[in-house]
Each structure stands twice: as C-alpha cells, then as structure tokens.
C-alpha atoms as a PDB file:
ATOM      1  CA  LYS A   1      -0.089   0.063   0.000  1.00  0.00           C
ATOM      2  CA  ARG A   2       1.395   3.474  -1.015  1.00  0.00           C
ATOM      3  CA  TYR A   3       0.502   7.026  -0.182  1.00  0.00           C
ATOM      4  CA  GLY A   4       2.039   9.861  -2.152  1.00  0.00           C
ATOM      5  CA  GLY A   5       4.626   7.531  -3.607  1.00  0.00           C
ATOM      6  CA  ARG A   6       5.682   6.319  -0.129  1.00  0.00           C
ATOM      7  CA  ALA A   7       5.225   2.552   0.661  1.00  0.00           C
ATOM      8  CA  VAL A   8       3.271   2.052   3.941  1.00  0.00           C
ATOM      9  CA  PHE A   9       3.585  -1.819   3.514  1.00  0.00           C
ATOM     10  CA  ASP A  10       5.680  -3.709   1.227  1.00  0.00           C
ATOM     11  CA  GLY A  11       5.653  -7.592   1.268  1.00  0.00           C
ATOM     12  CA  LEU A  12       3.296  -7.497   4.437  1.00  0.00           C
ATOM     13  CA  ASP A  13       1.959 -10.972   5.115  1.00  0.00           C
ATOM     14  CA  PRO A  14      -0.176 -11.166   8.151  1.00  0.00           C
ATOM     15  CA  ASP A  15      -1.608 -14.508   9.320  1.00  0.00           C
ATOM     16  CA  VAL A  16      -4.353 -14.320  11.902  1.00  0.00           C
ATOM     17  CA  ARG A  17      -6.000 -17.531  12.755  1.00  0.00           C
ATOM     18  CA  SER A  18      -9.446 -18.232  13.434  1.00  0.00           C
ATOM     19  CA  GLY A  19     -10.631 -17.460  17.003  1.00  0.00           C
ATOM     20  CA  GLU A  20      -7.463 -15.817  18.004  1.00  0.00           C
ATOM     21  CA  PHE A  21      -7.226 -12.373  19.719  1.00  0.00           C
ATOM     22  CA  VAL A  22      -4.320 -10.615  18.386  1.00  0.00           C
ATOM     23  CA  ALA A  23      -2.987  -7.419  19.353  1.00  0.00           C
ATOM     24  CA  LEU A  24      -1.365  -5.035  16.635  1.00  0.00           C
ATOM     25  CA  VAL A  25       0.996  -2.671  17.969  1.00  0.00           C
ATOM     26  CA  GLY A  26       3.651  -0.047  16.555  1.00  0.00           C
ATOM     27  CA  ARG A  27       4.487   3.641  16.807  1.00  0.00           C
ATOM     28  CA  SER A  28       2.069   6.177  15.680  1.00  0.00           C
ATOM     29  CA  GLY A  29       1.894   6.613  11.711  1.00  0.00           C
ATOM     30  CA  ALA A  30       3.094   3.005  11.225  1.00  0.00           C
ATOM     31  CA  GLY A  31      -0.140   2.082   9.270  1.00  0.00           C
ATOM     32  CA  LYS A  32      -1.985   0.020  11.843  1.00  0.00           C
ATOM     33  CA  SER A  33      -5.377   1.796  11.125  1.00  0.00           C
ATOM     34  CA  THR A  34      -4.405   1.353   7.238  1.00  0.00           C
ATOM     35  CA  LEU A  35      -4.166  -2.297   7.914  1.00  0.00           C
ATOM     36  CA  LEU A  36      -7.462  -2.494   9.431  1.00  0.00           C
ATOM     37  CA  HIS A  37      -9.020  -0.565   6.627  1.00  0.00           C
ATOM     38  CA  LEU A  38      -7.538  -3.080   4.160  1.00  0.00           C
ATOM     39  CA  LEU A  39      -8.683  -6.075   6.203  1.00  0.00           C
ATOM     40  CA  SER A  40     -12.140  -4.650   6.325  1.00  0.00           C
ATOM     41  CA  GLY A  41     -12.472  -3.613   2.651  1.00  0.00           C
ATOM     42  CA  ILE A  42     -12.750   0.104   3.492  1.00  0.00           C
ATOM     43  CA  ASP A  43      -9.605   0.598   1.455  1.00  0.00           C
ATOM     44  CA  VAL A  44      -7.776  -1.779  -1.048  1.00  0.00           C
ATOM     45  CA  PRO A  45      -4.088  -2.466  -1.628  1.00  0.00           C
ATOM     46  CA  ASP A  46      -2.241  -1.115  -4.502  1.00  0.00           C
ATOM     47  CA  ALA A  47      -0.840  -4.754  -5.037  1.00  0.00           C
ATOM     48  CA  GLY A  48      -1.592  -7.997  -3.521  1.00  0.00           C
ATOM     49  CA  GLN A  49      -4.443  -9.868  -2.098  1.00  0.00           C
ATOM     50  CA  VAL A  50      -6.571  -9.636   1.119  1.00  0.00           C
ATOM     51  CA  ARG A  51      -8.231 -12.676   2.151  1.00  0.00           C
ATOM     52  CA  VAL A  52     -10.934 -12.938   5.027  1.00  0.00           C
ATOM     53  CA  GLY A  53     -11.833 -16.582   5.568  1.00  0.00           C
ATOM     54  CA  ASP A  54     -12.678 -17.876   2.071  1.00  0.00           C
ATOM     55  CA  VAL A  55     -13.450 -14.619   0.426  1.00  0.00           C
ATOM     56  CA  GLU A  56     -10.640 -12.667  -1.451  1.00  0.00           C
ATOM     57  CA  LEU A  57     -11.668  -9.006  -0.823  1.00  0.00           C
ATOM     58  CA  THR A  58      -9.366  -7.757  -3.474  1.00  0.00           C
ATOM     59  CA  ALA A  59     -11.624  -9.685  -6.167  1.00  0.00           C
ATOM     60  CA  LEU A  60     -14.623  -7.727  -4.873  1.00  0.00           C
ATOM     61  CA  ASP A  61     -15.980  -4.361  -5.937  1.00  0.00           C
ATOM     62  CA  GLU A  62     -16.941  -1.621  -3.591  1.00  0.00           C
ATOM     63  CA  HIS A  63     -20.678  -2.587  -3.268  1.00  0.00           C
ATOM     64  CA  GLN A  64     -19.657  -6.247  -2.706  1.00  0.00           C
ATOM     65  CA  ARG A  65     -17.027  -5.255  -0.010  1.00  0.00           C
ATOM     66  CA  THR A  66     -19.549  -3.084   1.675  1.00  0.00           C
ATOM     67  CA  ALA A  67     -22.109  -5.925   1.859  1.00  0.00           C
ATOM     68  CA  LEU A  68     -19.407  -8.421   3.115  1.00  0.00           C
ATOM     69  CA  ARG A  69     -18.442  -6.082   5.969  1.00  0.00           C
ATOM     70  CA  ARG A  70     -21.914  -5.771   7.051  1.00  0.00           C
ATOM     71  CA  GLU A  71     -22.495  -9.493   7.177  1.00  0.00           C
ATOM     72  CA  ARG A  72     -19.308 -10.880   8.150  1.00  0.00           C
ATOM     73  CA  ILE A  73     -16.884  -8.339   9.953  1.00  0.00           C
ATOM     74  CA  GLY A  74     -17.623  -6.140  13.090  1.00  0.00           C
ATOM     75  CA  LEU A  75     -15.844  -2.757  13.549  1.00  0.00           C
ATOM     76  CA  VAL A  76     -15.114  -0.994  16.839  1.00  0.00           C
ATOM     77  CA  PHE A  77     -13.824   2.394  16.805  1.00  0.00           C
ATOM     78  CA  GLN A  78     -11.976   4.530  19.531  1.00  0.00           C
ATOM     79  CA  ALA A  79     -14.716   7.350  18.548  1.00  0.00           C
ATOM     80  CA  TYR A  80     -17.702   5.391  19.751  1.00  0.00           C
ATOM     81  CA  ASN A  81     -19.730   6.305  16.478  1.00  0.00           C
ATOM     82  CA  LEU A  82     -22.999   5.801  18.014  1.00  0.00           C
ATOM     83  CA  VAL A  83     -26.040   7.381  16.106  1.00  0.00           C
ATOM     84  CA  PRO A  84     -27.020  10.326  18.583  1.00  0.00           C
ATOM     85  CA  SER A  85     -30.635  10.023  17.807  1.00  0.00           C
ATOM     86  CA  LEU A  86     -31.026   6.396  18.345  1.00  0.00           C
ATOM     87  CA  SER A  87     -31.289   4.770  21.646  1.00  0.00           C
ATOM     88  CA  ALA A  88     -28.762   2.186  22.691  1.00  0.00           C
ATOM     89  CA  LEU A  89     -31.076  -0.759  21.608  1.00  0.00           C
ATOM     90  CA  ASP A  90     -31.586   0.934  18.139  1.00  0.00           C
ATOM     91  CA  ASN A  91     -28.016   1.448  17.631  1.00  0.00           C
ATOM     92  CA  VAL A  92     -27.373  -2.306  17.969  1.00  0.00           C
ATOM     93  CA  ARG A  93     -30.318  -3.087  15.893  1.00  0.00           C
ATOM     94  CA  LEU A  94     -29.409  -0.905  12.979  1.00  0.00           C
ATOM     95  CA  PRO A  95     -26.723  -3.120  11.530  1.00  0.00           C
ATOM     96  CA  MET A  96     -29.038  -6.097  11.545  1.00  0.00           C
ATOM     97  CA  GLU A  97     -31.602  -4.346   9.442  1.00  0.00           C
ATOM     98  CA  LEU A  98     -28.900  -3.202   7.103  1.00  0.00           C
ATOM     99  CA  VAL A  99     -28.394  -6.760   6.187  1.00  0.00           C
ATOM    100  CA  GLY A 100     -32.120  -7.391   5.729  1.00  0.00           C
ATOM    101  CA  MET A 101     -33.282  -8.692   8.923  1.00  0.00           C
ATOM    102  CA  PRO A 102     -36.989  -7.880   9.686  1.00  0.00           C
ATOM    103  CA  PRO A 103     -37.404  -4.801  12.151  1.00  0.00           C
ATOM    104  CA  ALA A 104     -39.219  -6.695  14.720  1.00  0.00           C
ATOM    105  CA  THR A 105     -36.673  -9.594  14.613  1.00  0.00           C
ATOM    106  CA  ALA A 106     -33.893  -7.295  14.616  1.00  0.00           C
ATOM    107  CA  ARG A 107     -35.124  -5.545  17.736  1.00  0.00           C
ATOM    108  CA  ARG A 108     -35.514  -8.743  19.462  1.00  0.00           C
ATOM    109  CA  GLU A 109     -32.171 -10.047  18.684  1.00  0.00           C
ATOM    110  CA  ALA A 110     -30.596  -6.577  19.509  1.00  0.00           C
ATOM    111  CA  MET A 111     -32.218  -6.846  23.111  1.00  0.00           C
ATOM    112  CA  ALA A 112     -30.862 -10.575  23.364  1.00  0.00           C
ATOM    113  CA  VAL A 113     -27.241  -9.308  22.494  1.00  0.00           C
ATOM    114  CA  LEU A 114     -27.502  -6.446  25.027  1.00  0.00           C
ATOM    115  CA  ALA A 115     -28.832  -8.899  27.732  1.00  0.00           C
ATOM    116  CA  ALA A 116     -26.093 -11.357  26.815  1.00  0.00           C
ATOM    117  CA  LEU A 117     -23.577  -8.671  27.502  1.00  0.00           C
ATOM    118  CA  GLY A 118     -25.068  -7.379  30.656  1.00  0.00           C
ATOM    119  CA  LEU A 119     -26.119  -4.233  29.110  1.00  0.00           C
ATOM    120  CA  ALA A 120     -29.915  -4.551  28.977  1.00  0.00           C
ATOM    121  CA  GLY A 121     -30.186  -1.804  31.586  1.00  0.00           C
ATOM    122  CA  LEU A 122     -28.868   0.702  29.071  1.00  0.00           C
ATOM    123  CA  ALA A 123     -31.207  -0.292  26.129  1.00  0.00           C
ATOM    124  CA  ASP A 124     -33.511   2.893  26.236  1.00  0.00           C
ATOM    125  CA  ARG A 125     -30.918   5.277  26.954  1.00  0.00           C
ATOM    126  CA  PHE A 126     -29.532   7.757  24.287  1.00  0.00           C
ATOM    127  CA  PRO A 127     -25.622   8.298  23.758  1.00  0.00           C
ATOM    128  CA  GLU A 128     -25.699  11.589  25.494  1.00  0.00           C
ATOM    129  CA  GLN A 129     -27.070   9.890  28.567  1.00  0.00           C
ATOM    130  CA  LEU A 130     -24.294   7.284  28.581  1.00  0.00           C
ATOM    131  CA  SER A 131     -20.636   7.619  29.921  1.00  0.00           C
ATOM    132  CA  GLY A 132     -17.660   7.006  27.683  1.00  0.00           C
ATOM    133  CA  GLY A 133     -17.396   3.678  29.013  1.00  0.00           C
ATOM    134  CA  GLU A 134     -21.019   2.864  28.563  1.00  0.00           C
ATOM    135  CA  GLN A 135     -21.101   4.062  25.159  1.00  0.00           C
ATOM    136  CA  GLN A 136     -18.051   1.979  24.127  1.00  0.00           C
ATOM    137  CA  ARG A 137     -19.671  -1.069  25.629  1.00  0.00           C
ATOM    138  CA  ILE A 138     -22.681  -0.366  23.221  1.00  0.00           C
ATOM    139  CA  GLY A 139     -20.341  -0.028  20.547  1.00  0.00           C
ATOM    140  CA  VAL A 140     -19.050  -3.681  21.139  1.00  0.00           C
ATOM    141  CA  ALA A 141     -22.558  -4.873  21.251  1.00  0.00           C
ATOM    142  CA  ARG A 142     -23.313  -3.271  17.891  1.00  0.00           C
ATOM    143  CA  ALA A 143     -20.171  -4.790  16.480  1.00  0.00           C
ATOM    144  CA  LEU A 144     -21.063  -8.295  17.513  1.00  0.00           C
ATOM    145  CA  ALA A 145     -24.695  -7.897  16.764  1.00  0.00           C
ATOM    146  CA  HIS A 146     -24.623  -9.711  13.338  1.00  0.00           C
ATOM    147  CA  SER A 147     -22.348 -12.512  14.558  1.00  0.00           C
ATOM    148  CA  PRO A 148     -19.296 -11.718  12.627  1.00  0.00           C
ATOM    149  CA  GLY A 149     -16.573 -13.799  12.259  1.00  0.00           C
ATOM    150  CA  LEU A 150     -13.863 -11.165  12.321  1.00  0.00           C
ATOM    151  CA  VAL A 151     -13.877  -8.260  14.625  1.00  0.00           C
ATOM    152  CA  LEU A 152     -11.617  -5.293  13.895  1.00  0.00           C
ATOM    153  CA  ALA A 153     -10.984  -2.831  16.765  1.00  0.00           C
ATOM    154  CA  ASP A 154      -8.914   0.377  16.240  1.00  0.00           C
ATOM    155  CA  GLU A 155      -7.705   1.668  19.613  1.00  0.00           C
ATOM    156  CA  PRO A 156     -11.320   0.993  21.286  1.00  0.00           C
ATOM    157  CA  THR A 157     -10.035   2.110  24.650  1.00  0.00           C
ATOM    158  CA  GLY A 158      -8.004   5.179  23.808  1.00  0.00           C
ATOM    159  CA  SER A 159     -10.464   7.759  25.200  1.00  0.00           C
ATOM    160  CA  LEU A 160     -11.242   5.517  28.326  1.00  0.00           C
ATOM    161  CA  ASP A 161      -9.652   5.609  31.885  1.00  0.00           C
ATOM    162  CA  LEU A 162      -7.960   2.296  33.075  1.00  0.00           C
ATOM    163  CA  ASP A 163     -10.951   0.939  34.789  1.00  0.00           C
ATOM    164  CA  ASN A 164     -13.316   1.399  31.853  1.00  0.00           C
ATOM    165  CA  ALA A 165     -10.712   0.301  29.475  1.00  0.00           C
ATOM    166  CA  GLY A 166     -10.077  -2.849  31.158  1.00  0.00           C
ATOM    167  CA  ALA A 167     -13.872  -3.587  31.360  1.00  0.00           C
ATOM    168  CA  VAL A 168     -14.393  -2.969  27.712  1.00  0.00           C
ATOM    169  CA  ILE A 169     -11.616  -5.203  26.628  1.00  0.00           C
ATOM    170  CA  ASP A 170     -12.699  -8.016  28.964  1.00  0.00           C
ATOM    171  CA  LEU A 171     -16.274  -7.688  27.465  1.00  0.00           C
ATOM    172  CA  LEU A 172     -15.008  -7.553  23.862  1.00  0.00           C
ATOM    173  CA  ALA A 173     -12.532 -10.432  24.255  1.00  0.00           C
ATOM    174  CA  ALA A 174     -14.910 -12.807  26.144  1.00  0.00           C
ATOM    175  CA  ALA A 175     -17.776 -11.959  23.690  1.00  0.00           C
ATOM    176  CA  CYS A 176     -15.562 -12.847  20.666  1.00  0.00           C
ATOM    177  CA  ARG A 177     -14.289 -16.085  22.316  1.00  0.00           C
ATOM    178  CA  GLN A 178     -17.823 -17.217  23.179  1.00  0.00           C
ATOM    179  CA  ARG A 179     -18.918 -16.661  19.645  1.00  0.00           C
ATOM    180  CA  GLY A 180     -15.645 -18.141  18.103  1.00  0.00           C
ATOM    181  CA  ALA A 181     -14.925 -14.758  16.535  1.00  0.00           C
ATOM    182  CA  THR A 182     -11.422 -13.673  15.649  1.00  0.00           C
ATOM    183  CA  LEU A 183     -10.331 -10.363  17.132  1.00  0.00           C
ATOM    184  CA  LEU A 184      -7.702  -8.074  15.802  1.00  0.00           C
ATOM    185  CA  LEU A 185      -7.185  -5.055  17.997  1.00  0.00           C
ATOM    186  CA  VAL A 186      -4.926  -1.989  17.463  1.00  0.00           C
ATOM    187  CA  THR A 187      -3.480  -0.548  20.865  1.00  0.00           C
ATOM    188  CA  HIS A 188      -0.765   1.316  22.660  1.00  0.00           C
ATOM    189  CA  SER A 189      -1.893   0.087  25.902  1.00  0.00           C
ATOM    190  CA  GLN A 190       0.542  -2.733  27.601  1.00  0.00           C
ATOM    191  CA  ASP A 191      -2.512  -3.891  29.683  1.00  0.00           C
ATOM    192  CA  VAL A 192      -4.475  -4.787  26.644  1.00  0.00           C
ATOM    193  CA  MET A 193      -1.417  -6.493  25.088  1.00  0.00           C
ATOM    194  CA  ASP A 194      -1.095  -8.678  28.089  1.00  0.00           C
ATOM    195  CA  ARG A 195      -4.762  -9.825  27.540  1.00  0.00           C
ATOM    196  CA  ALA A 196      -4.027 -10.793  23.875  1.00  0.00           C
ATOM    197  CA  ASP A 197      -3.106 -14.458  22.657  1.00  0.00           C
ATOM    198  CA  ARG A 198      -0.487 -12.980  20.556  1.00  0.00           C
ATOM    199  CA  LEU A 199       1.240  -9.671  19.515  1.00  0.00           C
ATOM    200  CA  LEU A 200       1.952  -8.554  16.085  1.00  0.00           C
ATOM    201  CA  ARG A 201       4.288  -5.468  15.724  1.00  0.00           C
ATOM    202  CA  LEU A 202       4.295  -3.191  12.727  1.00  0.00           C
ATOM    203  CA  VAL A 203       7.735  -1.874  12.059  1.00  0.00           C
ATOM    204  CA  ASP A 204       8.941  -0.111   8.926  1.00  0.00           C
ATOM    205  CA  GLY A 205       6.236  -1.707   6.932  1.00  0.00           C
ATOM    206  CA  ARG A 206       6.918  -5.094   8.066  1.00  0.00           C
ATOM    207  CA  LEU A 207       5.112  -7.377  10.820  1.00  0.00           C
ATOM    208  CA  GLU A 208       7.083  -8.909  13.428  1.00  0.00           C
ATOM    209  CA  PRO A 209       6.197 -11.088  16.528  1.00  0.00           C
ATOM    210  CA  GLY A 210       5.537  -8.947  19.706  1.00  0.00           C
END
C-alpha cells in the first residue's frame, strides 16, 4: 500500500488464525489503522491480495465489499460512532436491519445481545445519557450484533480511563471467544497487550512477532 509515492507496506503477510485475539502494536503513523482498513475492505491495496476466511476482498467491487463487511465483519472504533438520535437498543439493531433482518426480529435480537453482554439496563438510553465506557460497551454490542467471524478494533479504549478500558476489553474478548470470532485489535496499551493471545508489531512496513 502506497500513499503519495511512499510505501506504507511492502511484502506484508499477516496471518491471523480463526478464533485468535491478536493485538496489533506499533508507533504512531506505522500504518496500523491502514491495515485494519485493508482487512475490512474500506480501502484496497495497490498490489497483492487480502483474504478474510474464504473470501478474497481484492476480487470484490466496492458494493460487494460493503455487503461483506456488514455481514461478516464487526468494527469497533476509538470514537464510539453511535447515532445520537437512536437509543442504545436501536444503535445495536441498525446493523442487523442493514443486512435485511425484519425490524421486529432485529429489535428482539438486539435486546438479546444487550442482555447477553449485561447491558440490558442501558437499552433505552441515548448516547448523551451514557458515560464514555458505557458508549463503548454499546459499540461492542453493535459490532457483535450480526455475529461476525472477524472483529476489527482500532484503539477502542484510547479515550477511556484504566478501569473502563479494562472492562471494555474484557467484554470484547469474552464475547468474541464465546462466539468463536477472531479479534484483531490495535492498541498502545500494555494492559491490553497482556490480555491478547499474541502480538504483532508493525515496524517499517513489516510485521514482527511482539
């Protein structure tokens, strides 16, 4: 992948196995977020292939990549990205409706996800009524609502204090393990690194074991 003639990656060959919790680390500007964008199909490489499960993302057009992302990939961001005008329940429900689930079914399934994650008490609250930690937990629930096989998280605890950060990572990791989902998480936090199964360190456009 190149930007302005500069190679961000050259010969990058990440291998993340099904069901793993992998922490992706590296200095600011090393390309960690770019790598997540490539793995999610938000961006495409200038050369090479990106394969998620049995699907080669680079063989899909933008519409197909968007559809695959909605169906098979969960995204968690540092900025919670909740829709301010929707309740917590409706924020979780929305991704399921986007893949064609009937509204009543999506609402029922969203409530079940919130309950399974211990968040049922927040269902009727709007984002402005939630703390940062609570908003990020709802963000986790939304990312997991459609049962993705791959969850990509870009510094999801960067805006949280240590206690809230730990609670969010515990929730995210436990939920992914329960569902058999793969979790690739960008972080600068040593505490988060310690919770991962494995580290990948991005250095000068190459991936090294952590």
